[in-house]
PDB file of N, CA and C in Angstrom:
ATOM      1  N   MET A   1     101.470  76.090  75.639  1.00  0.00           N
ATOM      2  CA  MET A   1     102.042  78.130  76.010  1.00  0.00           C
ATOM      3  C   MET A   1     100.023  78.733  76.380  1.00  0.00           C
ATOM      4  N   SER A   2     100.046  78.383  74.945  1.00  0.00           N
ATOM      5  CA  SER A   2      98.243  79.153  75.180  1.00  0.00           C
ATOM      6  C   SER A   2      97.419  78.961  76.487  1.00  0.00           C
ATOM      7  N   ASN A   3      98.141  77.597  77.059  1.00  0.00           N
ATOM      8  CA  ASN A   3      96.722  77.515  78.121  1.00  0.00           C
ATOM      9  C   ASN A   3      97.830  78.354  79.289  1.00  0.00           C
ATOM     10  N   GLU A   4      98.962  77.967  79.198  1.00  0.00           N
ATOM     11  CA  GLU A   4     100.148  78.927  80.655  1.00  0.00           C
ATOM     12  C   GLU A   4      99.904  80.318  80.020  1.00  0.00           C
ATOM     13  N   LYS A   5      99.474  80.998  79.111  1.00  0.00           N
ATOM     14  CA  LYS A   5      99.083  82.696  78.891  1.00  0.00           C
ATOM     15  C   LYS A   5      97.983  82.727  79.398  1.00  0.00           C
ATOM     16  N   GLN A   6      97.061  81.964  79.354  1.00  0.00           N
ATOM     17  CA  GLN A   6      95.362  82.062  79.422  1.00  0.00           C
ATOM     18  C   GLN A   6      95.253  82.088  81.074  1.00  0.00           C
ATOM     19  N   SER A   7      95.914  80.756  81.470  1.00  0.00           N
ATOM     20  CA  SER A   7      95.827  80.991  83.127  1.00  0.00           C
ATOM     21  C   SER A   7      96.414  82.211  83.334  1.00  0.00           C
ATOM     22  N   LEU A   8      97.657  82.819  82.942  1.00  0.00           N
ATOM     23  CA  LEU A   8      98.461  83.857  83.376  1.00  0.00           C
ATOM     24  C   LEU A   8      97.099  84.873  83.612  1.00  0.00           C
ATOM     25  N   ILE A   9      96.742  85.616  82.531  1.00  0.00           N
ATOM     26  CA  ILE A   9      95.292  86.281  81.855  1.00  0.00           C
ATOM     27  C   ILE A   9      94.677  86.068  83.385  1.00  0.00           C
ATOM     28  N   GLU A  10      94.153  84.739  83.184  1.00  0.00           N
ATOM     29  CA  GLU A  10      92.841  84.651  84.346  1.00  0.00           C
ATOM     30  C   GLU A  10      93.384  85.071  86.067  1.00  0.00           C
ATOM     31  N   SER A  11      94.781  84.270  86.365  1.00  0.00           N
ATOM     32  CA  SER A  11      94.769  85.368  87.607  1.00  0.00           C
ATOM     33  C   SER A  11      95.043  86.353  87.420  1.00  0.00           C
ATOM     34  N   LEU A  12      95.717  87.314  86.674  1.00  0.00           N
ATOM     35  CA  LEU A  12      95.850  88.814  86.253  1.00  0.00           C
ATOM     36  C   LEU A  12      94.614  89.597  86.856  1.00  0.00           C
ATOM     37  N   ARG A  13      93.404  88.887  86.114  1.00  0.00           N
ATOM     38  CA  ARG A  13      92.024  89.420  86.117  1.00  0.00           C
ATOM     39  C   ARG A  13      91.353  88.824  87.565  1.00  0.00           C
ATOM     40  N   GLU A  14      91.685  87.948  88.094  1.00  0.00           N
ATOM     41  CA  GLU A  14      91.359  87.663  89.179  1.00  0.00           C
ATOM     42  C   GLU A  14      92.033  88.407  90.467  1.00  0.00           C
ATOM     43  N   ALA A  15      93.406  88.675  90.483  1.00  0.00           N
ATOM     44  CA  ALA A  15      94.263  89.777  91.447  1.00  0.00           C
ATOM     45  C   ALA A  15      93.100  91.294  91.236  1.00  0.00           C
ATOM     46  N   GLU A  16      93.197  91.696  89.776  1.00  0.00           N
ATOM     47  CA  GLU A  16      92.291  92.837  89.757  1.00  0.00           C
ATOM     48  C   GLU A  16      90.959  92.802  90.154  1.00  0.00           C
ATOM     49  N   SER A  17      90.359  91.636  90.215  1.00  0.00           N
ATOM     50  CA  SER A  17      89.130  91.706  91.135  1.00  0.00           C
ATOM     51  C   SER A  17      88.954  91.846  92.529  1.00  0.00           C
ATOM     52  N   GLN A  18      90.290  91.044  92.867  1.00  0.00           N
ATOM     53  CA  GLN A  18      90.284  91.338  94.376  1.00  0.00           C
ATOM     54  C   GLN A  18      90.778  92.576  94.766  1.00  0.00           C
ATOM     55  N   PHE A  19      91.682  92.855  93.947  1.00  0.00           N
ATOM     56  CA  PHE A  19      91.917  94.634  94.104  1.00  0.00           C
ATOM     57  C   PHE A  19      90.477  95.305  94.451  1.00  0.00           C
ATOM     58  N   HIS A  20      89.793  95.196  93.509  1.00  0.00           N
ATOM     59  CA  HIS A  20      88.654  96.242  93.247  1.00  0.00           C
ATOM     60  C   HIS A  20      87.559  95.729  94.863  1.00  0.00           C
ATOM     61  N   GLU A  21      87.728  94.487  95.246  1.00  0.00           N
ATOM     62  CA  GLU A  21      86.797  94.329  96.247  1.00  0.00           C
ATOM     63  C   GLU A  21      87.406  94.661  97.668  1.00  0.00           C
ATOM     64  N   LEU A  22      88.671  94.977  97.654  1.00  0.00           N
ATOM     65  CA  LEU A  22      89.452  96.074  99.131  1.00  0.00           C
ATOM     66  C   LEU A  22      88.779  97.381  99.341  1.00  0.00           C
ATOM     67  N   MET A  23      88.537  98.015  97.851  1.00  0.00           N
ATOM     68  CA  MET A  23      88.378  99.577  98.056  1.00  0.00           C
ATOM     69  C   MET A  23      86.851  99.698  98.391  1.00  0.00           C
ATOM     70  N   PRO A  24      86.944 101.220  98.960  1.00  0.00           N
ATOM     71  CA  PRO A  24      85.652 100.772  99.628  1.00  0.00           C
ATOM     72  C   PRO A  24      84.305 101.554  98.464  1.00  0.00           C
ATOM     73  N   VAL A  25      84.757 102.166  97.997  1.00  0.00           N
ATOM     74  CA  VAL A  25      83.530 102.471  96.982  1.00  0.00           C
ATOM     75  C   VAL A  25      83.455 101.382  95.853  1.00  0.00           C
ATOM     76  N   ARG A  26      81.896 101.541  95.724  1.00  0.00           N
ATOM     77  CA  ARG A  26      81.841 100.580  94.923  1.00  0.00           C
ATOM     78  C   ARG A  26      81.177 100.676  93.193  1.00  0.00           C
ATOM     79  N   ASP A  27      80.453 101.701  93.085  1.00  0.00           N
ATOM     80  CA  ASP A  27      80.226 102.670  91.976  1.00  0.00           C
ATOM     81  C   ASP A  27      81.363 102.063  90.414  1.00  0.00           C
ATOM     82  N   GLY A  28      80.472 102.219  89.576  1.00  0.00           N
ATOM     83  CA  GLY A  28      81.590 102.002  88.149  1.00  0.00           C
ATOM     84  C   GLY A  28      82.551 103.360  88.363  1.00  0.00           C
ATOM     85  N   TYR A  29      82.443 104.114  88.151  1.00  0.00           N
ATOM     86  CA  TYR A  29      83.703 104.734  88.181  1.00  0.00           C
ATOM     87  C   TYR A  29      84.510 104.611  88.956  1.00  0.00           C
ATOM     88  N   SER A  30      84.871 104.372  89.956  1.00  0.00           N
ATOM     89  CA  SER A  30      86.057 103.691  90.889  1.00  0.00           C
ATOM     90  C   SER A  30      86.419 102.772  90.546  1.00  0.00           C
ATOM     91  N   LYS A  31      85.232 101.572  90.043  1.00  0.00           N
ATOM     92  CA  LYS A  31      86.220 100.419  89.688  1.00  0.00           C
ATOM     93  C   LYS A  31      86.665 100.668  88.192  1.00  0.00           C
ATOM     94  N   LEU A  32      86.929 101.583  87.553  1.00  0.00           N
ATOM     95  CA  LEU A  32      87.246 101.678  86.377  1.00  0.00           C
ATOM     96  C   LEU A  32      88.669 102.878  86.951  1.00  0.00           C
ATOM     97  N   PHE A  33      88.580 103.517  87.538  1.00  0.00           N
ATOM     98  CA  PHE A  33      89.919 104.164  88.260  1.00  0.00           C
ATOM     99  C   PHE A  33      90.766 103.293  89.336  1.00  0.00           C
ATOM    100  N   PHE A  34      90.153 102.185  89.620  1.00  0.00           N
ATOM    101  CA  PHE A  34      91.503 101.337  90.242  1.00  0.00           C
ATOM    102  C   PHE A  34      91.348 100.514  88.912  1.00  0.00           C
ATOM    103  N   ARG A  35      90.895  99.656  88.565  1.00  0.00           N
ATOM    104  CA  ARG A  35      91.029  98.724  87.179  1.00  0.00           C
ATOM    105  C   ARG A  35      92.382 100.016  86.254  1.00  0.00           C
ATOM    106  N   SER A  36      92.364 100.967  86.423  1.00  0.00           N
ATOM    107  CA  SER A  36      93.348 101.830  85.574  1.00  0.00           C
ATOM    108  C   SER A  36      94.815 101.540  86.291  1.00  0.00           C
ATOM    109  N   LEU A  37      94.429 101.954  87.351  1.00  0.00           N
ATOM    110  CA  LEU A  37      95.680 102.104  88.537  1.00  0.00           C
ATOM    111  C   LEU A  37      96.512 100.846  88.495  1.00  0.00           C
ATOM    112  N   PHE A  38      95.882  99.722  88.510  1.00  0.00           N
ATOM    113  CA  PHE A  38      96.247  98.319  88.445  1.00  0.00           C
ATOM    114  C   PHE A  38      96.566  97.654  87.499  1.00  0.00           C
ATOM    115  N   TRP A  39      96.302  98.021  85.853  1.00  0.00           N
ATOM    116  CA  TRP A  39      96.906  98.204  85.169  1.00  0.00           C
ATOM    117  C   TRP A  39      98.160  98.546  84.805  1.00  0.00           C
ATOM    118  N   PHE A  40      97.709  99.598  85.237  1.00  0.00           N
ATOM    119  CA  PHE A  40      99.210 101.393  84.957  1.00  0.00           C
ATOM    120  C   PHE A  40     100.547 100.309  85.801  1.00  0.00           C
ATOM    121  N   ALA A  41     100.073 100.333  87.082  1.00  0.00           N
ATOM    122  CA  ALA A  41     100.886  99.600  87.893  1.00  0.00           C
ATOM    123  C   ALA A  41     101.664  98.062  87.352  1.00  0.00           C
ATOM    124  N   LEU A  42     100.961  97.594  86.770  1.00  0.00           N
ATOM    125  CA  LEU A  42     101.397  96.003  86.656  1.00  0.00           C
ATOM    126  C   LEU A  42     102.398  96.683  85.052  1.00  0.00           C
ATOM    127  N   PHE A  43     102.070  97.102  83.942  1.00  0.00           N
ATOM    128  CA  PHE A  43     102.893  97.583  82.904  1.00  0.00           C
ATOM    129  C   PHE A  43     103.897  98.552  83.113  1.00  0.00           C
ATOM    130  N   SER A  44     104.152  99.377  84.281  1.00  0.00           N
ATOM    131  CA  SER A  44     104.883 100.679  84.843  1.00  0.00           C
ATOM    132  C   SER A  44     106.256  99.632  85.311  1.00  0.00           C
ATOM    133  N   VAL A  45     105.819  98.260  86.003  1.00  0.00           N
ATOM    134  CA  VAL A  45     106.552  97.191  86.900  1.00  0.00           C
ATOM    135  C   VAL A  45     107.229  96.247  85.636  1.00  0.00           C
ATOM    136  N   LEU A  46     106.593  95.444  84.983  1.00  0.00           N
ATOM    137  CA  LEU A  46     107.144  95.366  83.686  1.00  0.00           C
ATOM    138  C   LEU A  46     108.133  95.915  82.142  1.00  0.00           C
ATOM    139  N   TYR A  47     107.369  97.507  82.407  1.00  0.00           N
ATOM    140  CA  TYR A  47     108.552  98.393  81.680  1.00  0.00           C
ATOM    141  C   TYR A  47     110.013  98.726  82.042  1.00  0.00           C
ATOM    142  N   THR A  48     109.624  98.572  83.669  1.00  0.00           N
ATOM    143  CA  THR A  48     111.249  98.907  84.066  1.00  0.00           C
ATOM    144  C   THR A  48     111.752  97.662  84.668  1.00  0.00           C
ATOM    145  N   VAL A  49     111.391  96.510  84.748  1.00  0.00           N
ATOM    146  CA  VAL A  49     111.841  95.435  84.666  1.00  0.00           C
ATOM    147  C   VAL A  49     112.800  94.868  83.255  1.00  0.00           C
ATOM    148  N   VAL A  50     111.932  95.189  82.302  1.00  0.00           N
ATOM    149  CA  VAL A  50     112.557  94.806  81.083  1.00  0.00           C
ATOM    150  C   VAL A  50     113.742  95.748  80.540  1.00  0.00           C
ATOM    151  N   THR A  51     113.147  97.321  80.551  1.00  0.00           N
ATOM    152  CA  THR A  51     114.450  98.117  80.498  1.00  0.00           C
ATOM    153  C   THR A  51     115.771  98.343  81.658  1.00  0.00           C
ATOM    154  N   GLY A  52     115.460  97.171  82.906  1.00  0.00           N
ATOM    155  CA  GLY A  52     116.856  97.105  83.368  1.00  0.00           C
ATOM    156  C   GLY A  52     117.273  96.247  83.130  1.00  0.00           C
ATOM    157  N   LEU A  53     116.891  95.018  82.639  1.00  0.00           N
ATOM    158  CA  LEU A  53     117.875  94.194  81.924  1.00  0.00           C
ATOM    159  C   LEU A  53     119.209  94.644  81.436  1.00  0.00           C
TER     160      LEU A  53
END
């Protein structure tokens, strides 16, 4: 279970890195902004799925 959970976290971080590479601005504040957007969207979708069950 730990390996599955770790691989899920690694894949989410990889997706986050790819998401930031697509953004045109490369400074630190933009990375923080897009990282926040990514995680907010992820948790919003998870919340919607869990509460919709």
